[in-house]
Amino acid sequence: METTLNKFQHTIEELTEMLETFNTKQFNTIPFPNSWTAGQVGDHLLKSYGSWKIFKGATVFADRPYNENCKALNELFLDFKTKLSAEPSDFIYPSDGYIGKEDLILNIRAICDDIINFSCRHDLRMLCLDFEFPTLGYMTRFEWLHFYVVHTQRHINQLAKILNILNGIDE
């Protein structure tokens, strides 16, 4: 379990370093039609991390392996050829308009520090009952933490592509 927590910490460091590489203009520039800006990608991730509050909600011991959904999460989020999309009605849909880079990065670090601190002190094998993950159902804290890792890795890949486009580097 410590390995996934370490992966989460490393992935968040990688994310914030990637976000830092965008200059202020690039951060809020749409790189191509129907794309999010780097700021919107970060805002989407910040909103997705907000779901961690279910860690503190109603939980029970899972009657299945605590990591059962990790393979499915890998297959869904680490297949970079498959396009995934959020709907504007989703609570994780990014804000329109200007997004401040420094504030966004500070907020990402703060919420992720909360996730890490809680996860170090609580049993990650507990099933979270306050929210069902689409298609997978209720997940354990461990699986949610794994989701944050693979979801963030997917968007780090997206941010690298956005940066290359904005810097005029062909893919």
C-alpha atoms as a PDB file:
ATOM      1  CA  MET A   1       0.000   0.000   0.000  1.00  0.00           C
ATOM      2  CA  GLU A   2       2.901   2.308   0.705  1.00  0.00           C
ATOM      3  CA  THR A   3       3.999   1.891  -2.911  1.00  0.00           C
ATOM      4  CA  THR A   4       0.739   3.359  -4.223  1.00  0.00           C
ATOM      5  CA  LEU A   5       0.997   6.234  -1.767  1.00  0.00           C
ATOM      6  CA  ASN A   6       4.573   6.849  -2.956  1.00  0.00           C
ATOM      7  CA  LYS A   7       3.394   6.676  -6.582  1.00  0.00           C
ATOM      8  CA  PHE A   8       0.719   9.230  -5.774  1.00  0.00           C
ATOM      9  CA  GLN A   9       3.265  11.586  -4.194  1.00  0.00           C
ATOM     10  CA  HIS A  10       5.638  11.183  -7.146  1.00  0.00           C
ATOM     11  CA  THR A  11       2.843  11.668  -9.691  1.00  0.00           C
ATOM     12  CA  ILE A  12       1.671  14.879  -8.008  1.00  0.00           C
ATOM     13  CA  GLU A  13       5.261  16.176  -8.032  1.00  0.00           C
ATOM     14  CA  GLU A  14       5.457  15.312 -11.739  1.00  0.00           C
ATOM     15  CA  LEU A  15       2.134  17.086 -12.365  1.00  0.00           C
ATOM     16  CA  THR A  16       3.116  20.287 -10.570  1.00  0.00           C
ATOM     17  CA  GLU A  17       6.496  20.327 -12.330  1.00  0.00           C
ATOM     18  CA  MET A  18       4.712  19.938 -15.677  1.00  0.00           C
ATOM     19  CA  LEU A  19       2.261  22.739 -14.875  1.00  0.00           C
ATOM     20  CA  GLU A  20       5.197  24.969 -13.861  1.00  0.00           C
ATOM     21  CA  THR A  21       6.756  24.565 -17.339  1.00  0.00           C
ATOM     22  CA  PHE A  22       3.922  26.519 -18.990  1.00  0.00           C
ATOM     23  CA  ASN A  23       4.419  30.271 -19.140  1.00  0.00           C
ATOM     24  CA  THR A  24       1.501  32.480 -18.087  1.00  0.00           C
ATOM     25  CA  LYS A  25       0.202  32.972 -21.639  1.00  0.00           C
ATOM     26  CA  GLN A  26       0.509  29.285 -22.567  1.00  0.00           C
ATOM     27  CA  PHE A  27      -1.274  28.204 -19.390  1.00  0.00           C
ATOM     28  CA  ASN A  28      -4.575  29.691 -20.598  1.00  0.00           C
ATOM     29  CA  THR A  29      -4.152  29.193 -24.355  1.00  0.00           C
ATOM     30  CA  ILE A  30      -6.325  26.672 -26.192  1.00  0.00           C
ATOM     31  CA  PRO A  31      -3.814  24.611 -28.211  1.00  0.00           C
ATOM     32  CA  PHE A  32      -6.279  23.307 -30.823  1.00  0.00           C
ATOM     33  CA  PRO A  33     -10.065  23.225 -31.376  1.00  0.00           C
ATOM     34  CA  ASN A  34     -12.118  21.354 -28.755  1.00  0.00           C
ATOM     35  CA  SER A  35      -9.169  21.136 -26.366  1.00  0.00           C
ATOM     36  CA  TRP A  36      -8.774  22.305 -22.826  1.00  0.00           C
ATOM     37  CA  THR A  37      -6.021  24.701 -21.843  1.00  0.00           C
ATOM     38  CA  ALA A  38      -3.269  23.510 -19.518  1.00  0.00           C
ATOM     39  CA  GLY A  39      -5.007  25.486 -16.778  1.00  0.00           C
ATOM     40  CA  GLN A  40      -8.279  23.697 -17.443  1.00  0.00           C
ATOM     41  CA  VAL A  41      -6.549  20.295 -17.315  1.00  0.00           C
ATOM     42  CA  GLY A  42      -5.136  21.264 -13.917  1.00  0.00           C
ATOM     43  CA  ASP A  43      -8.517  22.576 -12.758  1.00  0.00           C
ATOM     44  CA  HIS A  44     -10.164  19.305 -13.837  1.00  0.00           C
ATOM     45  CA  LEU A  45      -7.613  17.339 -11.806  1.00  0.00           C
ATOM     46  CA  LEU A  46      -8.064  19.591  -8.777  1.00  0.00           C
ATOM     47  CA  LYS A  47     -11.824  19.031  -8.920  1.00  0.00           C
ATOM     48  CA  SER A  48     -11.356  15.268  -9.277  1.00  0.00           C
ATOM     49  CA  TYR A  49      -9.114  15.201  -6.165  1.00  0.00           C
ATOM     50  CA  GLY A  50     -11.984  16.844  -4.272  1.00  0.00           C
ATOM     51  CA  SER A  51     -13.778  13.500  -4.337  1.00  0.00           C
ATOM     52  CA  TRP A  52     -11.289  12.267  -1.736  1.00  0.00           C
ATOM     53  CA  LYS A  53     -13.690  13.512   0.949  1.00  0.00           C
ATOM     54  CA  ILE A  54     -15.482  10.175   0.525  1.00  0.00           C
ATOM     55  CA  PHE A  55     -12.470   8.632   2.330  1.00  0.00           C
ATOM     56  CA  LYS A  56     -13.904  10.226   5.497  1.00  0.00           C
ATOM     57  CA  GLY A  57     -17.506   9.210   4.779  1.00  0.00           C
ATOM     58  CA  ALA A  58     -19.332   5.930   5.276  1.00  0.00           C
ATOM     59  CA  THR A  59     -17.003   2.940   4.861  1.00  0.00           C
ATOM     60  CA  VAL A  60     -17.038  -0.819   5.422  1.00  0.00           C
ATOM     61  CA  PHE A  61     -14.457  -3.539   4.973  1.00  0.00           C
ATOM     62  CA  ALA A  62     -14.574  -4.751   1.385  1.00  0.00           C
ATOM     63  CA  ASP A  63     -15.729  -8.334   0.847  1.00  0.00           C
ATOM     64  CA  ARG A  64     -13.339  -8.576  -2.107  1.00  0.00           C
ATOM     65  CA  PRO A  65      -9.659  -7.847  -2.722  1.00  0.00           C
ATOM     66  CA  TYR A  66      -8.969  -4.199  -1.848  1.00  0.00           C
ATOM     67  CA  ASN A  67      -7.192  -3.664  -5.190  1.00  0.00           C
ATOM     68  CA  GLU A  68      -9.578  -5.560  -7.465  1.00  0.00           C
ATOM     69  CA  ASN A  69     -10.422  -2.548  -9.661  1.00  0.00           C
ATOM     70  CA  CYS A  70      -6.837  -1.363 -10.197  1.00  0.00           C
ATOM     71  CA  LYS A  71      -6.323  -3.354 -13.399  1.00  0.00           C
ATOM     72  CA  ALA A  72      -9.541  -1.956 -14.908  1.00  0.00           C
ATOM     73  CA  LEU A  73      -8.479   1.570 -13.924  1.00  0.00           C
ATOM     74  CA  ASN A  74      -5.093   1.028 -15.609  1.00  0.00           C
ATOM     75  CA  GLU A  75      -6.758  -0.231 -18.772  1.00  0.00           C
ATOM     76  CA  LEU A  76      -9.143   2.712 -18.883  1.00  0.00           C
ATOM     77  CA  PHE A  77      -6.819   5.597 -18.034  1.00  0.00           C
ATOM     78  CA  LEU A  78      -3.435   4.451 -19.338  1.00  0.00           C
ATOM     79  CA  ASP A  79      -4.674   3.608 -22.830  1.00  0.00           C
ATOM     80  CA  PHE A  80      -3.706   6.943 -24.375  1.00  0.00           C
ATOM     81  CA  LYS A  81      -5.209   6.006 -27.758  1.00  0.00           C
ATOM     82  CA  THR A  82      -8.731   6.009 -26.306  1.00  0.00           C
ATOM     83  CA  LYS A  83     -10.309   9.446 -25.981  1.00  0.00           C
ATOM     84  CA  LEU A  84     -12.145  10.049 -22.734  1.00  0.00           C
ATOM     85  CA  SER A  85     -14.261  13.106 -22.160  1.00  0.00           C
ATOM     86  CA  ALA A  86     -16.013  14.838 -19.325  1.00  0.00           C
ATOM     87  CA  GLU A  87     -19.418  16.391 -19.838  1.00  0.00           C
ATOM     88  CA  PRO A  88     -19.940  20.089 -19.026  1.00  0.00           C
ATOM     89  CA  SER A  89     -22.498  18.981 -16.418  1.00  0.00           C
ATOM     90  CA  ASP A  90     -19.912  16.867 -14.550  1.00  0.00           C
ATOM     91  CA  PHE A  91     -18.692  18.245 -11.231  1.00  0.00           C
ATOM     92  CA  ILE A  92     -15.129  17.682 -12.452  1.00  0.00           C
ATOM     93  CA  TYR A  93     -15.557  19.757 -15.630  1.00  0.00           C
ATOM     94  CA  PRO A  94     -13.041  22.614 -15.655  1.00  0.00           C
ATOM     95  CA  SER A  95     -13.892  26.269 -15.293  1.00  0.00           C
ATOM     96  CA  ASP A  96     -14.055  28.565 -18.285  1.00  0.00           C
ATOM     97  CA  GLY A  97     -11.943  31.682 -18.388  1.00  0.00           C
ATOM     98  CA  TYR A  98      -8.630  32.610 -16.856  1.00  0.00           C
ATOM     99  CA  ILE A  99      -7.074  30.175 -14.363  1.00  0.00           C
ATOM    100  CA  GLY A 100      -4.221  31.420 -12.196  1.00  0.00           C
ATOM    101  CA  LYS A 101      -1.285  29.041 -12.392  1.00  0.00           C
ATOM    102  CA  GLU A 102       0.245  29.716  -8.964  1.00  0.00           C
ATOM    103  CA  ASP A 103      -3.075  29.429  -7.102  1.00  0.00           C
ATOM    104  CA  LEU A 104      -3.990  26.260  -8.977  1.00  0.00           C
ATOM    105  CA  ILE A 105      -0.665  24.596  -8.153  1.00  0.00           C
ATOM    106  CA  LEU A 106      -0.911  25.649  -4.484  1.00  0.00           C
ATOM    107  CA  ASN A 107      -4.454  24.240  -4.286  1.00  0.00           C
ATOM    108  CA  ILE A 108      -3.411  20.966  -5.935  1.00  0.00           C
ATOM    109  CA  ARG A 109      -0.529  20.583  -3.481  1.00  0.00           C
ATOM    110  CA  ALA A 110      -2.740  21.388  -0.491  1.00  0.00           C
ATOM    111  CA  ILE A 111      -5.517  18.920  -1.338  1.00  0.00           C
ATOM    112  CA  CYS A 112      -2.992  16.214  -2.220  1.00  0.00           C
ATOM    113  CA  ASP A 113      -1.175  16.778   1.080  1.00  0.00           C
ATOM    114  CA  ASP A 114      -4.532  16.225   2.814  1.00  0.00           C
ATOM    115  CA  ILE A 115      -5.042  12.986   0.864  1.00  0.00           C
ATOM    116  CA  ILE A 116      -1.543  11.780   1.745  1.00  0.00           C
ATOM    117  CA  ASN A 117      -1.835  12.687   5.443  1.00  0.00           C
ATOM    118  CA  PHE A 118      -5.201  10.938   5.751  1.00  0.00           C
ATOM    119  CA  SER A 119      -3.999   7.887   3.813  1.00  0.00           C
ATOM    120  CA  CYS A 120      -0.963   7.469   6.059  1.00  0.00           C
ATOM    121  CA  ARG A 121      -3.197   7.257   9.144  1.00  0.00           C
ATOM    122  CA  HIS A 122      -6.197   5.240   7.911  1.00  0.00           C
ATOM    123  CA  ASP A 123      -6.924   1.819   6.471  1.00  0.00           C
ATOM    124  CA  LEU A 124      -6.958   2.054   2.671  1.00  0.00           C
ATOM    125  CA  ARG A 125      -8.749  -1.305   2.347  1.00  0.00           C
ATOM    126  CA  MET A 126     -12.045   0.256   3.410  1.00  0.00           C
ATOM    127  CA  LEU A 127     -14.805   0.463   0.813  1.00  0.00           C
ATOM    128  CA  CYS A 128     -16.130   4.032   0.359  1.00  0.00           C
ATOM    129  CA  LEU A 129     -19.938   4.041   0.286  1.00  0.00           C
ATOM    130  CA  ASP A 130     -20.710   7.709  -0.383  1.00  0.00           C
ATOM    131  CA  PHE A 131     -20.024   7.608  -4.129  1.00  0.00           C
ATOM    132  CA  GLU A 132     -19.944   4.937  -6.819  1.00  0.00           C
ATOM    133  CA  PHE A 133     -17.298   5.132  -9.520  1.00  0.00           C
ATOM    134  CA  PRO A 134     -18.976   4.984 -12.969  1.00  0.00           C
ATOM    135  CA  THR A 135     -19.068   1.384 -14.299  1.00  0.00           C
ATOM    136  CA  LEU A 136     -17.009   0.021 -11.370  1.00  0.00           C
ATOM    137  CA  GLY A 137     -19.245   0.773  -8.411  1.00  0.00           C
ATOM    138  CA  TYR A 138     -17.978   1.363  -4.890  1.00  0.00           C
ATOM    139  CA  MET A 139     -14.208   1.422  -4.578  1.00  0.00           C
ATOM    140  CA  THR A 140     -11.820   1.115  -1.682  1.00  0.00           C
ATOM    141  CA  ARG A 141      -9.707   4.040  -0.548  1.00  0.00           C
ATOM    142  CA  PHE A 142      -6.762   2.196  -2.097  1.00  0.00           C
ATOM    143  CA  GLU A 143      -8.518   1.997  -5.467  1.00  0.00           C
ATOM    144  CA  TRP A 144      -9.450   5.674  -5.295  1.00  0.00           C
ATOM    145  CA  LEU A 145      -5.809   6.530  -4.586  1.00  0.00           C
ATOM    146  CA  HIS A 146      -4.815   4.345  -7.538  1.00  0.00           C
ATOM    147  CA  PHE A 147      -7.396   6.176  -9.664  1.00  0.00           C
ATOM    148  CA  TYR A 148      -5.797   9.508  -8.731  1.00  0.00           C
ATOM    149  CA  VAL A 149      -2.427   8.142  -9.869  1.00  0.00           C
ATOM    150  CA  VAL A 150      -3.527   6.801 -13.269  1.00  0.00           C
ATOM    151  CA  HIS A 151      -5.937   9.675 -13.946  1.00  0.00           C
ATOM    152  CA  THR A 152      -3.163  12.180 -13.221  1.00  0.00           C
ATOM    153  CA  GLN A 153      -0.682  10.229 -15.360  1.00  0.00           C
ATOM    154  CA  ARG A 154      -3.144  10.373 -18.246  1.00  0.00           C
ATOM    155  CA  HIS A 155      -3.406  14.150 -17.919  1.00  0.00           C
ATOM    156  CA  ILE A 156       0.356  14.614 -17.552  1.00  0.00           C
ATOM    157  CA  ASN A 157       0.580  12.921 -20.956  1.00  0.00           C
ATOM    158  CA  GLN A 158      -2.067  15.337 -22.265  1.00  0.00           C
ATOM    159  CA  LEU A 159      -0.192  18.329 -20.808  1.00  0.00           C
ATOM    160  CA  ALA A 160       3.033  17.241 -22.519  1.00  0.00           C
ATOM    161  CA  LYS A 161       1.193  17.156 -25.862  1.00  0.00           C
ATOM    162  CA  ILE A 162      -0.348  20.590 -25.216  1.00  0.00           C
ATOM    163  CA  LEU A 163       3.068  22.039 -24.346  1.00  0.00           C
ATOM    164  CA  ASN A 164       4.633  20.578 -27.504  1.00  0.00           C
ATOM    165  CA  ILE A 165       1.875  22.075 -29.653  1.00  0.00           C
ATOM    166  CA  LEU A 166       2.172  25.481 -28.003  1.00  0.00           C
ATOM    167  CA  ASN A 167       5.946  25.378 -28.426  1.00  0.00           C
ATOM    168  CA  GLY A 168       5.560  24.445 -32.113  1.00  0.00           C
ATOM    169  CA  ILE A 169       7.027  20.977 -31.725  1.00  0.00           C
ATOM    170  CA  ASP A 170       5.417  18.467 -34.064  1.00  0.00           C
ATOM    171  CA  GLU A 171       4.312  15.205 -32.568  1.00  0.00           C
END
